[in-house]
Amino acid sequence: MIIPWQNLDSQTLDNIIEHFVLREGTDYGLQEKSLQEKVTQVKSQLIDGTAAIFWSELHQTVDIKLVK
């Protein structure tokens, strides 16, 4: 199920994004980026529709994934 990012409180959205970018194995290319740069990049992807926040009822988890 997709959770519209616009419906989330700004602090909740930031927490979800930070949790996502801090996960081990998240790849941002060859150059290391700061936490704030990573958060800004993911937030931009949510705004332009290239990424979305998903809720898994089965696993009771939230994830951010690229969408086409």
C-alpha atoms as a PDB file:
ATOM      1  CA  MET A   1       0.000   0.000   0.000  1.00  0.00           C
ATOM      2  CA  ILE A   2       1.391   3.426  -0.964  1.00  0.00           C
ATOM      3  CA  ILE A   3       1.404   6.095   1.736  1.00  0.00           C
ATOM      4  CA  PRO A   4       1.141   9.596   0.229  1.00  0.00           C
ATOM      5  CA  TRP A   5       4.104  11.557   1.609  1.00  0.00           C
ATOM      6  CA  GLN A   6       1.960  14.725   1.558  1.00  0.00           C
ATOM      7  CA  ASN A   7      -0.305  13.216   4.250  1.00  0.00           C
ATOM      8  CA  LEU A   8       2.546  12.745   6.720  1.00  0.00           C
ATOM      9  CA  ASP A   9       3.648  15.217   9.362  1.00  0.00           C
ATOM     10  CA  SER A  10       6.961  16.777   8.254  1.00  0.00           C
ATOM     11  CA  GLN A  11       8.851  15.325  11.230  1.00  0.00           C
ATOM     12  CA  THR A  12       7.412  11.855  10.571  1.00  0.00           C
ATOM     13  CA  LEU A  13       8.411  12.109   6.919  1.00  0.00           C
ATOM     14  CA  ASP A  14      11.945  13.169   7.871  1.00  0.00           C
ATOM     15  CA  ASN A  15      12.198  10.259  10.351  1.00  0.00           C
ATOM     16  CA  ILE A  16      11.074   7.733   7.725  1.00  0.00           C
ATOM     17  CA  ILE A  17      13.571   9.098   5.197  1.00  0.00           C
ATOM     18  CA  GLU A  18      16.425   9.176   7.733  1.00  0.00           C
ATOM     19  CA  HIS A  19      15.692   5.586   8.778  1.00  0.00           C
ATOM     20  CA  PHE A  20      15.739   4.590   5.105  1.00  0.00           C
ATOM     21  CA  VAL A  21      19.039   6.296   4.249  1.00  0.00           C
ATOM     22  CA  LEU A  22      20.786   5.020   7.389  1.00  0.00           C
ATOM     23  CA  ARG A  23      20.096   1.383   6.554  1.00  0.00           C
ATOM     24  CA  GLU A  24      23.218  -0.558   5.761  1.00  0.00           C
ATOM     25  CA  GLY A  25      23.587  -1.279   2.071  1.00  0.00           C
ATOM     26  CA  THR A  26      21.772   1.794   0.757  1.00  0.00           C
ATOM     27  CA  ASP A  27      23.826   2.879  -2.276  1.00  0.00           C
ATOM     28  CA  TYR A  28      24.244   6.515  -3.337  1.00  0.00           C
ATOM     29  CA  GLY A  29      26.981   6.117  -5.934  1.00  0.00           C
ATOM     30  CA  LEU A  30      30.733   6.464  -5.811  1.00  0.00           C
ATOM     31  CA  GLN A  31      30.886   9.645  -3.719  1.00  0.00           C
ATOM     32  CA  GLU A  32      29.971   9.629  -0.058  1.00  0.00           C
ATOM     33  CA  LYS A  33      27.179  12.054   0.807  1.00  0.00           C
ATOM     34  CA  SER A  34      26.162  13.576   4.125  1.00  0.00           C
ATOM     35  CA  LEU A  35      23.009  12.456   5.874  1.00  0.00           C
ATOM     36  CA  GLN A  36      21.322  15.739   4.964  1.00  0.00           C
ATOM     37  CA  GLU A  37      22.271  15.355   1.283  1.00  0.00           C
ATOM     38  CA  LYS A  38      20.835  11.836   1.266  1.00  0.00           C
ATOM     39  CA  VAL A  39      17.609  12.976   2.975  1.00  0.00           C
ATOM     40  CA  THR A  40      17.252  15.861   0.503  1.00  0.00           C
ATOM     41  CA  GLN A  41      17.805  13.520  -2.455  1.00  0.00           C
ATOM     42  CA  VAL A  42      15.180  11.024  -1.280  1.00  0.00           C
ATOM     43  CA  LYS A  43      12.709  13.806  -0.455  1.00  0.00           C
ATOM     44  CA  SER A  44      13.185  15.198  -3.989  1.00  0.00           C
ATOM     45  CA  GLN A  45      12.448  11.758  -5.419  1.00  0.00           C
ATOM     46  CA  LEU A  46       9.246  11.553  -3.378  1.00  0.00           C
ATOM     47  CA  ILE A  47       8.180  15.020  -4.531  1.00  0.00           C
ATOM     48  CA  ASP A  48       8.829  14.345  -8.225  1.00  0.00           C
ATOM     49  CA  GLY A  49       7.145  10.938  -8.071  1.00  0.00           C
ATOM     50  CA  THR A  50      10.160   8.761  -8.851  1.00  0.00           C
ATOM     51  CA  ALA A  51       9.986   7.214  -5.363  1.00  0.00           C
ATOM     52  CA  ALA A  52       7.119   6.344  -3.033  1.00  0.00           C
ATOM     53  CA  ILE A  53       6.594   5.263   0.560  1.00  0.00           C
ATOM     54  CA  PHE A  54       5.152   1.765   0.905  1.00  0.00           C
ATOM     55  CA  TRP A  55       3.502   0.111   3.907  1.00  0.00           C
ATOM     56  CA  SER A  56       3.691  -3.687   4.119  1.00  0.00           C
ATOM     57  CA  GLU A  57       0.757  -4.970   6.089  1.00  0.00           C
ATOM     58  CA  LEU A  58       2.263  -8.457   6.039  1.00  0.00           C
ATOM     59  CA  HIS A  59       5.563  -7.357   7.604  1.00  0.00           C
ATOM     60  CA  GLN A  60       4.273  -4.253   9.401  1.00  0.00           C
ATOM     61  CA  THR A  61       7.073  -2.179   7.858  1.00  0.00           C
ATOM     62  CA  VAL A  62       7.546   1.026   5.912  1.00  0.00           C
ATOM     63  CA  ASP A  63       9.901   1.234   2.933  1.00  0.00           C
ATOM     64  CA  ILE A  64      10.805   3.721   0.215  1.00  0.00           C
ATOM     65  CA  LYS A  65      11.111   2.340  -3.302  1.00  0.00           C
ATOM     66  CA  LEU A  66      11.684   3.728  -6.760  1.00  0.00           C
ATOM     67  CA  VAL A  67       8.619   3.731  -8.983  1.00  0.00           C
ATOM     68  CA  LYS A  68       8.322   4.050 -12.752  1.00  0.00           C
END
